[in-house]
Amino acid sequence: MAKLTNSEIQKIWHQSRIAPILPAGPTANEFGVVAVGGSLSSRWVLNAYAQGVFPWPLDLGHDTEEKLLGWFCPDPRAVLLPADLHIPRRLGRKIRSGRFSVTSDRAFGAVISACSGPRKIEGEVEAGTWITEEMKSVYTSLYEKGIAHSIEVWQEEALVGGLYGIAVGTIFCGESMFHHVGDASRVALCVLVEHLESWGFSLLDVQQSTPHCSVLGAVDIPRATYLQILETGFDNPAVFGVIGGLDIGQ
């Protein structure tokens, strides 16, 4: 993975914003859809994030596995500000127990593969998530360019949880997370948010509200506010830092 400087990151996002490919975020319909179709390529994805838009396959129904590529910019937008992070007491005890170690950008491929795999929902195992092989390829390419990043949670040598996302200006856009043991994904999220402000990030974008994120302090903000924060962050983009194998209980 390339380790980029502030000026190199600034150049990438400047180039990605020169000629918008997709309609602007505020043109989204009531469901947050800006457009349907197009190309799932690094160029399109970078251009989309530069406008506050993210890709998400649309399920066409229960009778088919076919999906259309959708581009979204919801209103409101769910975000987590570092200062608003709330770690429930039980989760805090688990973090301090020393049972986990946390790293960044050590196993991006393993993290995105785990995020795309089967999950147990209400006791039933789903076949997989919205993360297609094509999406895995594109985000892995962005990781190699130094734009996408991962957080890994380990128990001894085993990867038991994590998340990945895109660093866009001063916003970190969380894409997906997973856990193989209880609360490992929430440990990843909390440790990431605890580091974001010191790295120069203003917020974690979680896209849409979920109980999982709301209990940690995520709130909804107007799309216009989100886009304003996004725009101002391109002048001095944050640099994603290093979390390196330290026992987070110490």
Protein backbone atom coordinates (compact mmCIF):
# COMPACT_ATOMS: atom_id res chain seq x y z
CA MET A 1 0.00 0.00 0.00
CA ALA A 2 1.22 3.50 -0.84
CA LYS A 3 1.71 5.81 2.15
CA LEU A 4 0.68 9.24 0.94
CA THR A 5 1.60 12.70 2.17
CA ASN A 6 -0.92 15.49 2.67
CA SER A 7 0.03 17.11 -0.67
CA GLU A 8 -0.24 13.80 -2.56
CA ILE A 9 -3.72 13.19 -1.12
CA GLN A 10 -4.71 16.75 -2.01
CA LYS A 11 -3.60 16.17 -5.62
CA ILE A 12 -5.61 12.94 -5.95
CA TRP A 13 -8.82 14.59 -4.77
CA HIS A 14 -8.20 17.70 -6.87
CA GLN A 15 -7.93 15.53 -9.99
CA SER A 16 -11.03 13.56 -8.98
CA ARG A 17 -13.11 16.74 -8.71
CA ILE A 18 -12.15 18.39 -12.03
CA ALA A 19 -14.92 16.84 -14.13
CA PRO A 20 -17.86 15.40 -12.15
CA ILE A 21 -19.23 12.20 -13.69
CA LEU A 22 -22.36 11.82 -11.58
CA PRO A 23 -25.09 14.35 -10.79
CA ALA A 24 -24.47 16.39 -7.65
CA GLY A 25 -25.54 14.94 -4.29
CA PRO A 26 -28.41 17.42 -3.71
CA THR A 27 -30.13 16.10 -6.86
CA ALA A 28 -30.83 12.75 -5.12
CA ASN A 29 -34.42 11.57 -4.93
CA GLU A 30 -36.34 10.98 -1.69
CA PHE A 31 -34.55 7.65 -1.23
CA GLY A 32 -31.12 9.26 -1.58
CA VAL A 33 -30.50 7.84 -5.07
CA VAL A 34 -28.44 10.12 -7.31
CA ALA A 35 -28.09 7.75 -10.28
CA VAL A 36 -28.35 4.11 -11.32
CA GLY A 37 -25.88 2.25 -13.52
CA GLY A 38 -22.51 3.45 -14.70
CA SER A 39 -19.08 1.99 -14.09
CA LEU A 40 -17.77 0.55 -10.85
CA SER A 41 -14.18 1.67 -11.41
CA SER A 42 -11.61 3.51 -9.31
CA ARG A 43 -12.19 6.66 -11.36
CA TRP A 44 -15.96 6.62 -10.87
CA VAL A 45 -15.72 5.75 -7.18
CA LEU A 46 -13.21 8.53 -6.42
CA ASN A 47 -15.29 11.01 -8.39
CA ALA A 48 -18.40 9.94 -6.48
CA TYR A 49 -16.87 10.25 -3.00
CA ALA A 50 -15.54 13.69 -3.94
CA GLN A 51 -19.20 14.72 -4.32
CA GLY A 52 -20.43 12.98 -1.16
CA VAL A 53 -21.87 10.07 -3.16
CA PHE A 54 -21.22 6.38 -2.52
CA PRO A 55 -21.99 3.20 -4.54
CA TRP A 56 -24.39 0.55 -3.28
CA PRO A 57 -25.95 -2.26 -5.34
CA LEU A 58 -29.74 -2.18 -5.59
CA ASP A 59 -31.58 -5.44 -4.95
CA LEU A 60 -34.15 -5.99 -7.70
CA GLY A 61 -36.29 -8.37 -5.66
CA HIS A 62 -36.49 -11.77 -4.05
CA ASP A 63 -36.87 -13.63 -7.34
CA THR A 64 -33.48 -12.67 -8.77
CA GLU A 65 -29.89 -12.31 -7.62
CA GLU A 66 -29.29 -9.58 -10.20
CA LYS A 67 -28.38 -6.19 -8.80
CA LEU A 68 -28.16 -2.73 -10.31
CA LEU A 69 -25.41 -0.32 -9.30
CA GLY A 70 -26.87 2.59 -7.36
CA TRP A 71 -25.19 5.84 -6.33
CA PHE A 72 -26.42 7.38 -3.08
CA CYS A 73 -26.27 10.67 -1.20
CA PRO A 74 -28.88 10.37 1.59
CA ASP A 75 -30.46 13.22 3.50
CA PRO A 76 -29.93 13.24 6.43
CA ARG A 77 -26.45 11.71 6.67
CA ALA A 78 -25.45 9.68 9.72
CA VAL A 79 -22.06 10.66 11.16
CA LEU A 80 -20.05 10.12 14.32
CA LEU A 81 -18.05 13.07 15.63
CA PRO A 82 -14.95 12.06 17.64
CA ALA A 83 -16.03 14.26 20.55
CA ASP A 84 -19.42 12.53 20.67
CA LEU A 85 -18.07 8.98 20.87
CA HIS A 86 -19.86 7.11 23.66
CA ILE A 87 -18.41 3.77 24.74
CA PRO A 88 -20.92 1.77 26.80
CA ARG A 89 -19.55 0.55 30.11
CA ARG A 90 -19.57 -3.14 29.19
CA LEU A 91 -17.79 -2.46 25.89
CA GLY A 92 -15.26 -0.26 27.66
CA ARG A 93 -14.45 -3.08 30.08
CA LYS A 94 -13.97 -5.44 27.15
CA ILE A 95 -11.61 -2.97 25.43
CA ARG A 96 -9.59 -2.49 28.61
CA SER A 97 -9.44 -6.22 29.35
CA GLY A 98 -6.48 -6.68 27.02
CA ARG A 99 -8.08 -9.54 25.12
CA PHE A 100 -7.80 -7.70 21.78
CA SER A 101 -5.02 -6.02 19.82
CA VAL A 102 -5.80 -3.54 17.07
CA THR A 103 -3.88 -2.62 13.92
CA SER A 104 -4.44 -0.52 10.82
CA ASP A 105 -3.79 -1.44 7.18
CA ARG A 106 -2.25 -4.80 8.06
CA ALA A 107 -4.82 -7.10 6.42
CA PHE A 108 -7.09 -5.09 4.11
CA GLY A 109 -7.83 -8.04 1.83
CA ALA A 110 -8.82 -10.29 4.72
CA VAL A 111 -11.03 -7.57 6.22
CA ILE A 112 -12.99 -6.80 3.05
CA SER A 113 -13.37 -10.53 2.34
CA ALA A 114 -14.76 -11.09 5.83
CA CYS A 115 -17.11 -8.12 5.42
CA SER A 116 -18.46 -9.66 2.21
CA GLY A 117 -18.97 -13.13 3.68
CA PRO A 118 -22.03 -14.82 5.24
CA ARG A 119 -23.51 -13.26 8.36
CA LYS A 120 -25.89 -14.47 11.04
CA ILE A 121 -28.97 -12.25 11.16
CA GLU A 122 -31.57 -13.02 13.84
CA GLY A 123 -30.22 -16.54 14.13
CA GLU A 124 -30.21 -17.24 10.39
CA VAL A 125 -27.13 -17.24 8.15
CA GLU A 126 -27.33 -14.97 5.11
CA ALA A 127 -25.53 -15.95 1.92
CA GLY A 128 -23.45 -12.76 1.83
CA THR A 129 -23.54 -8.97 1.80
CA TRP A 130 -23.83 -6.31 -0.89
CA ILE A 131 -20.03 -6.38 -1.36
CA THR A 132 -19.54 -8.02 -4.74
CA GLU A 133 -16.29 -9.35 -6.19
CA GLU A 134 -16.19 -6.26 -8.41
CA MET A 135 -16.48 -4.00 -5.37
CA LYS A 136 -13.76 -5.90 -3.55
CA SER A 137 -11.47 -5.41 -6.54
CA VAL A 138 -12.13 -1.66 -6.76
CA TYR A 139 -11.68 -0.98 -3.04
CA THR A 140 -8.54 -3.12 -2.95
CA SER A 141 -7.19 -0.98 -5.79
CA LEU A 142 -7.96 2.14 -3.75
CA TYR A 143 -6.19 0.59 -0.76
CA GLU A 144 -3.11 0.03 -2.91
CA LYS A 145 -3.29 3.71 -3.93
CA GLY A 146 -3.37 4.74 -0.24
CA ILE A 147 -6.99 6.00 -0.22
CA ALA A 148 -8.86 3.04 1.30
CA HIS A 149 -7.89 1.76 4.75
CA SER A 150 -8.70 -1.01 7.19
CA ILE A 151 -8.78 -1.54 10.94
CA GLU A 152 -8.11 -5.06 12.20
CA VAL A 153 -8.98 -6.59 15.57
CA TRP A 154 -7.00 -9.64 16.65
CA GLN A 155 -7.12 -12.29 19.33
CA GLU A 156 -3.59 -13.65 19.40
CA GLU A 157 -2.98 -14.49 15.71
CA ALA A 158 -6.64 -14.69 14.66
CA LEU A 159 -8.44 -11.86 12.86
CA VAL A 160 -11.75 -11.62 14.74
CA GLY A 161 -13.15 -8.26 13.63
CA GLY A 162 -12.54 -5.13 11.64
CA LEU A 163 -13.78 -2.50 9.24
CA TYR A 164 -12.71 -0.70 6.09
CA GLY A 165 -13.46 2.62 4.45
CA ILE A 166 -12.26 5.58 2.39
CA ALA A 167 -10.41 8.69 3.61
CA VAL A 168 -11.98 11.67 1.80
CA GLY A 169 -10.61 15.07 2.75
CA THR A 170 -11.20 15.26 6.51
CA ILE A 171 -13.98 12.64 6.47
CA PHE A 172 -13.46 8.93 6.93
CA CYS A 173 -16.25 7.08 5.14
CA GLY A 174 -16.86 3.77 6.87
CA GLU A 175 -18.04 1.16 4.39
CA SER A 176 -18.52 -2.11 6.25
CA MET A 177 -17.47 -4.02 9.34
CA PHE A 178 -17.51 -7.60 10.59
CA HIS A 179 -16.96 -9.64 13.73
CA HIS A 180 -16.26 -13.29 14.45
CA VAL A 181 -16.40 -12.81 18.22
CA GLY A 182 -18.76 -10.60 20.17
CA ASP A 183 -18.20 -6.82 19.95
CA ALA A 184 -15.02 -7.09 17.86
CA SER A 185 -16.45 -4.81 15.15
CA ARG A 186 -17.45 -2.22 17.75
CA VAL A 187 -13.95 -2.36 19.20
CA ALA A 188 -12.60 -1.58 15.71
CA LEU A 189 -14.97 1.36 15.31
CA CYS A 190 -14.26 2.82 18.76
CA VAL A 191 -10.47 2.57 18.40
CA LEU A 192 -10.67 4.17 14.95
CA VAL A 193 -12.79 7.10 16.17
CA GLU A 194 -10.46 7.64 19.14
CA HIS A 195 -7.62 8.19 16.64
CA LEU A 196 -9.43 10.19 13.93
CA GLU A 197 -9.23 13.64 15.50
CA SER A 198 -5.47 13.41 16.15
CA TRP A 199 -5.00 12.46 12.48
CA GLY A 200 -6.91 15.54 11.33
CA PHE A 201 -10.31 13.99 10.56
CA SER A 202 -13.48 15.85 11.47
CA LEU A 203 -15.90 12.91 11.50
CA LEU A 204 -16.68 9.30 10.66
CA ASP A 205 -19.35 8.96 7.96
CA VAL A 206 -21.57 5.95 8.72
CA GLN A 207 -23.98 6.89 5.89
CA GLN A 208 -27.26 5.75 7.46
CA SER A 209 -28.40 5.44 11.07
CA THR A 210 -28.31 2.00 12.67
CA PRO A 211 -28.83 1.01 16.32
CA HIS A 212 -25.29 -0.39 16.26
CA CYS A 213 -23.80 3.07 15.54
CA SER A 214 -26.36 5.23 17.33
CA VAL A 215 -25.53 3.70 20.71
CA LEU A 216 -21.91 4.79 20.14
CA GLY A 217 -22.92 8.41 19.49
CA ALA A 218 -23.76 8.60 15.77
CA VAL A 219 -26.26 11.32 14.84
CA ASP A 220 -28.00 12.53 11.68
CA ILE A 221 -26.93 15.81 10.10
CA PRO A 222 -28.43 17.57 7.06
CA ARG A 223 -26.93 16.60 3.71
CA ALA A 224 -26.06 20.24 3.06
CA THR A 225 -23.99 20.36 6.27
CA TYR A 226 -22.20 17.13 5.36
CA LEU A 227 -21.35 18.43 1.87
CA GLN A 228 -20.04 21.68 3.32
CA ILE A 229 -17.70 19.79 5.68
CA LEU A 230 -16.62 17.60 2.76
CA GLU A 231 -15.85 20.61 0.56
CA THR A 232 -13.77 22.47 3.15
CA GLY A 233 -11.72 19.36 3.92
CA PHE A 234 -10.13 19.10 0.48
CA ASP A 235 -7.87 22.10 1.09
CA ASN A 236 -6.04 20.33 3.92
CA PRO A 237 -6.91 16.62 3.81
CA ALA A 238 -6.23 14.39 6.79
CA VAL A 239 -3.59 11.68 6.64
CA PHE A 240 -4.70 8.27 7.88
CA GLY A 241 -2.30 7.21 10.60
CA VAL A 242 -0.92 4.01 12.05
CA ILE A 243 -2.35 1.80 14.76
CA GLY A 244 0.24 -0.84 15.33
CA GLY A 245 -0.36 -4.05 17.18
CA LEU A 246 -0.61 -2.42 20.57
CA ASP A 247 -2.61 -4.06 23.31
CA ILE A 248 -5.48 -1.61 23.65
CA GLY A 249 -6.03 -2.60 27.24
CA GLN A 250 -2.75 -0.99 28.25
